[in-house]
């Protein structure tokens, strides 16, 4: 049985254009995550759209990106940096487990309309992801949650008999079953 993997992600943003995010990524980031919020054609409300990862994220942030180009207005891009060490042992994949599982938990539990991969099945191990947000102007100033649906904490206890998952939004905790979510909404039910 694998040990529980705890991942802290520091998110920096918002960047209002793909170009601004790419320039910052080129200067300050190597591997990491990127998260897009905005509106696609026909949408009236800003929503969480897409999460991606890259070994060199500036190479992923291009105007012709297959998903980002669909977010046409109110764009916000957040760049994520893993702030915890990876699990010990031999790496079985090219992608670091911390990046892979951070993306997987977000894609599986959040209503990210443009993600297709990692949305059909829960992770294959116990994982917790903790999100913190900071201003991209100085990388120090804490920011409020950029979207009300983006949780502070996602806990998936794969090996727990109760199979209850926790998604934490500051003062509000939500439980979820481990069934795949629909494209319209996650599997959350408010518990308190």
C-alpha atoms as a PDB file:
ATOM      1  CA  UNK A   1       0.000   0.000   0.000  1.00  0.00           C
ATOM      2  CA  UNK A   2       1.366   3.413  -0.999  1.00  0.00           C
ATOM      3  CA  UNK A   3       1.602   6.154   1.582  1.00  0.00           C
ATOM      4  CA  UNK A   4      -0.752   9.104   1.376  1.00  0.00           C
ATOM      5  CA  UNK A   5       0.670  11.808  -0.905  1.00  0.00           C
ATOM      6  CA  UNK A   6       0.296  15.403   0.325  1.00  0.00           C
ATOM      7  CA  UNK A   7       0.780  18.114  -2.323  1.00  0.00           C
ATOM      8  CA  UNK A   8       0.849  21.859  -1.690  1.00  0.00           C
ATOM      9  CA  UNK A   9       0.416  24.077  -4.730  1.00  0.00           C
ATOM     10  CA  UNK A  10       1.247  27.775  -4.704  1.00  0.00           C
ATOM     11  CA  UNK A  11      -0.717  29.523  -7.452  1.00  0.00           C
ATOM     12  CA  UNK A  12       0.411  32.885  -8.847  1.00  0.00           C
ATOM     13  CA  UNK A  13      -1.790  35.187 -10.858  1.00  0.00           C
ATOM     14  CA  UNK A  14      -3.974  36.314 -12.312  1.00  0.00           C
ATOM     15  CA  UNK A  15      -2.502  36.827 -15.744  1.00  0.00           C
ATOM     16  CA  UNK A  16      -4.987  38.428 -18.143  1.00  0.00           C
ATOM     17  CA  UNK A  17      -3.431  37.044 -21.323  1.00  0.00           C
ATOM     18  CA  UNK A  18      -1.711  33.884 -22.453  1.00  0.00           C
ATOM     19  CA  UNK A  19       1.259  36.019 -23.522  1.00  0.00           C
ATOM     20  CA  UNK A  20       1.682  37.553 -20.043  1.00  0.00           C
ATOM     21  CA  UNK A  21       1.492  34.108 -18.412  1.00  0.00           C
ATOM     22  CA  UNK A  22       4.003  32.709 -20.922  1.00  0.00           C
ATOM     23  CA  UNK A  23       6.478  35.551 -20.315  1.00  0.00           C
ATOM     24  CA  UNK A  24       6.277  35.062 -16.545  1.00  0.00           C
ATOM     25  CA  UNK A  25       6.605  31.298 -16.921  1.00  0.00           C
ATOM     26  CA  UNK A  26       9.652  31.757 -19.145  1.00  0.00           C
ATOM     27  CA  UNK A  27      11.348  33.909 -16.513  1.00  0.00           C
ATOM     28  CA  UNK A  28      10.304  32.279 -13.241  1.00  0.00           C
ATOM     29  CA  UNK A  29       8.974  28.744 -13.818  1.00  0.00           C
ATOM     30  CA  UNK A  30      10.077  25.412 -15.112  1.00  0.00           C
ATOM     31  CA  UNK A  31       7.682  22.584 -14.517  1.00  0.00           C
ATOM     32  CA  UNK A  32       4.294  23.368 -13.111  1.00  0.00           C
ATOM     33  CA  UNK A  33       0.563  23.673 -13.584  1.00  0.00           C
ATOM     34  CA  UNK A  34      -1.617  26.238 -15.289  1.00  0.00           C
ATOM     35  CA  UNK A  35      -5.274  26.918 -14.596  1.00  0.00           C
ATOM     36  CA  UNK A  36      -7.661  28.920 -16.799  1.00  0.00           C
ATOM     37  CA  UNK A  37     -10.788  30.735 -15.682  1.00  0.00           C
ATOM     38  CA  UNK A  38     -12.972  32.706 -18.080  1.00  0.00           C
ATOM     39  CA  UNK A  39     -15.835  32.556 -20.543  1.00  0.00           C
ATOM     40  CA  UNK A  40     -16.177  30.594 -23.744  1.00  0.00           C
ATOM     41  CA  UNK A  41     -18.372  31.663 -26.624  1.00  0.00           C
ATOM     42  CA  UNK A  42     -22.009  31.778 -25.561  1.00  0.00           C
ATOM     43  CA  UNK A  43     -21.273  31.726 -21.840  1.00  0.00           C
ATOM     44  CA  UNK A  44     -22.487  34.606 -19.683  1.00  0.00           C
ATOM     45  CA  UNK A  45     -20.666  33.726 -16.459  1.00  0.00           C
ATOM     46  CA  UNK A  46     -16.990  33.296 -15.755  1.00  0.00           C
ATOM     47  CA  UNK A  47     -16.204  29.679 -14.875  1.00  0.00           C
ATOM     48  CA  UNK A  48     -13.289  27.373 -14.262  1.00  0.00           C
ATOM     49  CA  UNK A  49     -12.296  25.985 -17.651  1.00  0.00           C
ATOM     50  CA  UNK A  50      -9.064  24.010 -17.751  1.00  0.00           C
ATOM     51  CA  UNK A  51      -6.044  22.729 -15.845  1.00  0.00           C
ATOM     52  CA  UNK A  52      -2.854  21.541 -17.504  1.00  0.00           C
ATOM     53  CA  UNK A  53       0.693  20.586 -16.611  1.00  0.00           C
ATOM     54  CA  UNK A  54       4.034  20.867 -18.289  1.00  0.00           C
ATOM     55  CA  UNK A  55       7.669  20.030 -17.712  1.00  0.00           C
ATOM     56  CA  UNK A  56       8.337  23.529 -19.015  1.00  0.00           C
ATOM     57  CA  UNK A  57       4.992  25.307 -18.775  1.00  0.00           C
ATOM     58  CA  UNK A  58       5.972  28.298 -20.889  1.00  0.00           C
ATOM     59  CA  UNK A  59       6.064  25.962 -23.890  1.00  0.00           C
ATOM     60  CA  UNK A  60       2.423  24.989 -23.222  1.00  0.00           C
ATOM     61  CA  UNK A  61       1.142  28.572 -22.949  1.00  0.00           C
ATOM     62  CA  UNK A  62       0.557  29.514 -26.576  1.00  0.00           C
ATOM     63  CA  UNK A  63      -2.246  31.390 -28.294  1.00  0.00           C
ATOM     64  CA  UNK A  64      -3.013  28.312 -30.380  1.00  0.00           C
ATOM     65  CA  UNK A  65      -3.259  26.014 -27.308  1.00  0.00           C
ATOM     66  CA  UNK A  66      -5.989  23.493 -28.120  1.00  0.00           C
ATOM     67  CA  UNK A  67      -8.072  24.416 -25.032  1.00  0.00           C
ATOM     68  CA  UNK A  68      -6.938  27.872 -23.907  1.00  0.00           C
ATOM     69  CA  UNK A  69      -7.849  29.403 -27.268  1.00  0.00           C
ATOM     70  CA  UNK A  70     -11.492  28.505 -26.521  1.00  0.00           C
ATOM     71  CA  UNK A  71     -11.583  30.796 -23.465  1.00  0.00           C
ATOM     72  CA  UNK A  72     -12.402  34.000 -25.282  1.00  0.00           C
ATOM     73  CA  UNK A  73     -13.199  36.578 -22.595  1.00  0.00           C
ATOM     74  CA  UNK A  74     -12.590  37.396 -18.922  1.00  0.00           C
ATOM     75  CA  UNK A  75      -9.492  35.200 -19.107  1.00  0.00           C
ATOM     76  CA  UNK A  76      -7.462  34.624 -15.965  1.00  0.00           C
ATOM     77  CA  UNK A  77      -4.505  32.272 -15.987  1.00  0.00           C
ATOM     78  CA  UNK A  78      -2.940  31.069 -12.753  1.00  0.00           C
ATOM     79  CA  UNK A  79       0.470  29.391 -12.709  1.00  0.00           C
ATOM     80  CA  UNK A  80       0.986  26.673 -10.120  1.00  0.00           C
ATOM     81  CA  UNK A  81       4.208  25.676  -8.466  1.00  0.00           C
ATOM     82  CA  UNK A  82       4.494  22.505  -6.398  1.00  0.00           C
ATOM     83  CA  UNK A  83       5.708  23.518  -2.933  1.00  0.00           C
ATOM     84  CA  UNK A  84       6.280  20.034  -1.499  1.00  0.00           C
ATOM     85  CA  UNK A  85       8.752  17.273  -2.178  1.00  0.00           C
ATOM     86  CA  UNK A  86       7.716  14.354  -4.332  1.00  0.00           C
ATOM     87  CA  UNK A  87       7.311  10.828  -2.998  1.00  0.00           C
ATOM     88  CA  UNK A  88      10.434   8.795  -2.438  1.00  0.00           C
ATOM     89  CA  UNK A  89      11.344   5.889  -4.649  1.00  0.00           C
ATOM     90  CA  UNK A  90      11.897   5.304  -8.334  1.00  0.00           C
ATOM     91  CA  UNK A  91       9.835   7.405 -10.744  1.00  0.00           C
ATOM     92  CA  UNK A  92       7.687   5.248 -12.976  1.00  0.00           C
ATOM     93  CA  UNK A  93       6.554   8.047 -15.305  1.00  0.00           C
ATOM     94  CA  UNK A  94       8.253  10.989 -16.967  1.00  0.00           C
ATOM     95  CA  UNK A  95       5.823  13.419 -15.309  1.00  0.00           C
ATOM     96  CA  UNK A  96       6.512  14.001 -11.643  1.00  0.00           C
ATOM     97  CA  UNK A  97       3.861  12.376  -9.434  1.00  0.00           C
ATOM     98  CA  UNK A  98       3.156  15.631  -7.599  1.00  0.00           C
ATOM     99  CA  UNK A  99       2.268  17.387 -10.875  1.00  0.00           C
ATOM    100  CA  UNK A 100       0.334  14.429 -12.214  1.00  0.00           C
ATOM    101  CA  UNK A 101      -1.790  13.933  -9.095  1.00  0.00           C
ATOM    102  CA  UNK A 102      -2.397  17.644  -8.515  1.00  0.00           C
ATOM    103  CA  UNK A 103      -3.784  17.893 -12.057  1.00  0.00           C
ATOM    104  CA  UNK A 104      -5.726  14.644 -11.649  1.00  0.00           C
ATOM    105  CA  UNK A 105      -7.527  15.697  -8.450  1.00  0.00           C
ATOM    106  CA  UNK A 106      -8.497  19.074  -9.915  1.00  0.00           C
ATOM    107  CA  UNK A 107      -9.669  17.551 -13.207  1.00  0.00           C
ATOM    108  CA  UNK A 108     -11.643  14.795 -11.479  1.00  0.00           C
ATOM    109  CA  UNK A 109     -13.371  16.865  -8.790  1.00  0.00           C
ATOM    110  CA  UNK A 110     -13.880  20.284 -10.349  1.00  0.00           C
ATOM    111  CA  UNK A 111     -16.282  21.190 -13.164  1.00  0.00           C
ATOM    112  CA  UNK A 112     -13.502  22.038 -15.614  1.00  0.00           C
ATOM    113  CA  UNK A 113     -15.432  22.137 -18.860  1.00  0.00           C
ATOM    114  CA  UNK A 114     -12.429  21.737 -21.174  1.00  0.00           C
ATOM    115  CA  UNK A 115     -10.638  18.882 -19.407  1.00  0.00           C
ATOM    116  CA  UNK A 116     -11.291  15.431 -20.791  1.00  0.00           C
ATOM    117  CA  UNK A 117      -8.395  13.382 -19.475  1.00  0.00           C
ATOM    118  CA  UNK A 118      -8.337  12.413 -15.820  1.00  0.00           C
ATOM    119  CA  UNK A 119     -12.064  13.075 -15.401  1.00  0.00           C
ATOM    120  CA  UNK A 120     -13.426   9.531 -15.637  1.00  0.00           C
ATOM    121  CA  UNK A 121     -11.694   7.792 -12.747  1.00  0.00           C
ATOM    122  CA  UNK A 122     -10.411   8.741  -9.329  1.00  0.00           C
ATOM    123  CA  UNK A 123      -6.664   8.655  -8.653  1.00  0.00           C
ATOM    124  CA  UNK A 124      -5.077   5.288  -8.001  1.00  0.00           C
ATOM    125  CA  UNK A 125      -3.674   6.288  -4.621  1.00  0.00           C
ATOM    126  CA  UNK A 126      -4.564   8.445  -1.607  1.00  0.00           C
ATOM    127  CA  UNK A 127      -3.801  12.102  -2.336  1.00  0.00           C
ATOM    128  CA  UNK A 128      -4.468  15.489  -0.777  1.00  0.00           C
ATOM    129  CA  UNK A 129      -3.930  18.765  -2.635  1.00  0.00           C
ATOM    130  CA  UNK A 130      -3.804  22.076  -0.767  1.00  0.00           C
ATOM    131  CA  UNK A 131      -4.101  25.274  -2.846  1.00  0.00           C
ATOM    132  CA  UNK A 132      -2.780  28.721  -1.881  1.00  0.00           C
ATOM    133  CA  UNK A 133      -3.009  31.797  -4.108  1.00  0.00           C
ATOM    134  CA  UNK A 134      -0.570  34.711  -4.389  1.00  0.00           C
ATOM    135  CA  UNK A 135      -0.311  37.877  -6.447  1.00  0.00           C
ATOM    136  CA  UNK A 136       1.841  37.612  -9.559  1.00  0.00           C
ATOM    137  CA  UNK A 137       2.987  41.188  -8.943  1.00  0.00           C
ATOM    138  CA  UNK A 138       5.262  40.287  -6.018  1.00  0.00           C
ATOM    139  CA  UNK A 139       4.751  36.501  -5.474  1.00  0.00           C
ATOM    140  CA  UNK A 140       4.237  37.203  -1.743  1.00  0.00           C
ATOM    141  CA  UNK A 141       0.865  38.897  -1.263  1.00  0.00           C
ATOM    142  CA  UNK A 142      -1.844  36.311  -0.530  1.00  0.00           C
ATOM    143  CA  UNK A 143      -4.912  36.405  -2.770  1.00  0.00           C
ATOM    144  CA  UNK A 144      -8.471  35.329  -2.144  1.00  0.00           C
ATOM    145  CA  UNK A 145      -9.705  32.236  -3.910  1.00  0.00           C
ATOM    146  CA  UNK A 146      -9.968  33.312  -7.596  1.00  0.00           C
ATOM    147  CA  UNK A 147     -13.214  31.408  -8.162  1.00  0.00           C
ATOM    148  CA  UNK A 148     -15.741  30.273  -5.554  1.00  0.00           C
ATOM    149  CA  UNK A 149     -15.641  26.725  -6.944  1.00  0.00           C
ATOM    150  CA  UNK A 150     -11.862  26.322  -6.621  1.00  0.00           C
ATOM    151  CA  UNK A 151     -11.277  24.712  -3.205  1.00  0.00           C
ATOM    152  CA  UNK A 152      -8.525  25.277  -0.696  1.00  0.00           C
ATOM    153  CA  UNK A 153      -8.167  21.534  -0.152  1.00  0.00           C
ATOM    154  CA  UNK A 154      -9.116  18.351  -1.970  1.00  0.00           C
ATOM    155  CA  UNK A 155      -8.630  15.118  -0.027  1.00  0.00           C
ATOM    156  CA  UNK A 156      -9.006  11.759  -1.717  1.00  0.00           C
ATOM    157  CA  UNK A 157      -8.472   8.856   0.720  1.00  0.00           C
ATOM    158  CA  UNK A 158      -8.169   6.011  -1.824  1.00  0.00           C
ATOM    159  CA  UNK A 159      -7.419   3.339   0.772  1.00  0.00           C
ATOM    160  CA  UNK A 160      -9.929   4.556   3.373  1.00  0.00           C
ATOM    161  CA  UNK A 161     -12.810   2.154   4.000  1.00  0.00           C
ATOM    162  CA  UNK A 162     -15.303   5.032   4.325  1.00  0.00           C
ATOM    163  CA  UNK A 163     -14.429   6.254   0.793  1.00  0.00           C
ATOM    164  CA  UNK A 164     -15.539   9.777   1.774  1.00  0.00           C
ATOM    165  CA  UNK A 165     -13.714  12.545  -0.025  1.00  0.00           C
ATOM    166  CA  UNK A 166     -13.399  16.017   1.403  1.00  0.00           C
ATOM    167  CA  UNK A 167     -13.320  19.257  -0.524  1.00  0.00           C
ATOM    168  CA  UNK A 168     -12.691  22.266   1.698  1.00  0.00           C
ATOM    169  CA  UNK A 169     -13.702  25.823   0.795  1.00  0.00           C
ATOM    170  CA  UNK A 170     -12.380  27.824   3.751  1.00  0.00           C
ATOM    171  CA  UNK A 171     -15.295  27.685   6.194  1.00  0.00           C
ATOM    172  CA  UNK A 172     -17.460  25.335   4.138  1.00  0.00           C
ATOM    173  CA  UNK A 173     -16.697  21.633   3.849  1.00  0.00           C
ATOM    174  CA  UNK A 174     -18.156  19.498   1.102  1.00  0.00           C
ATOM    175  CA  UNK A 175     -18.157  15.707   0.896  1.00  0.00           C
ATOM    176  CA  UNK A 176     -18.124  13.840  -2.376  1.00  0.00           C
ATOM    177  CA  UNK A 177     -18.501  10.273  -3.490  1.00  0.00           C
ATOM    178  CA  UNK A 178     -15.791   8.893  -5.745  1.00  0.00           C
ATOM    179  CA  UNK A 179     -18.045   8.440  -8.765  1.00  0.00           C
ATOM    180  CA  UNK A 180     -17.113  10.354 -11.919  1.00  0.00           C
ATOM    181  CA  UNK A 181     -18.630  13.820 -12.053  1.00  0.00           C
ATOM    182  CA  UNK A 182     -20.742  15.100 -14.869  1.00  0.00           C
ATOM    183  CA  UNK A 183     -19.437  17.854 -17.134  1.00  0.00           C
ATOM    184  CA  UNK A 184     -21.984  20.243 -15.589  1.00  0.00           C
ATOM    185  CA  UNK A 185     -21.170  19.874 -11.900  1.00  0.00           C
ATOM    186  CA  UNK A 186     -18.952  18.000  -9.475  1.00  0.00           C
ATOM    187  CA  UNK A 187     -20.221  15.307  -7.123  1.00  0.00           C
ATOM    188  CA  UNK A 188     -20.273  17.584  -4.115  1.00  0.00           C
ATOM    189  CA  UNK A 189     -22.904  17.624  -1.404  1.00  0.00           C
ATOM    190  CA  UNK A 190     -22.710  20.260   1.293  1.00  0.00           C
ATOM    191  CA  UNK A 191     -22.450  18.712   4.739  1.00  0.00           C
ATOM    192  CA  UNK A 192     -22.491  21.640   7.089  1.00  0.00           C
END
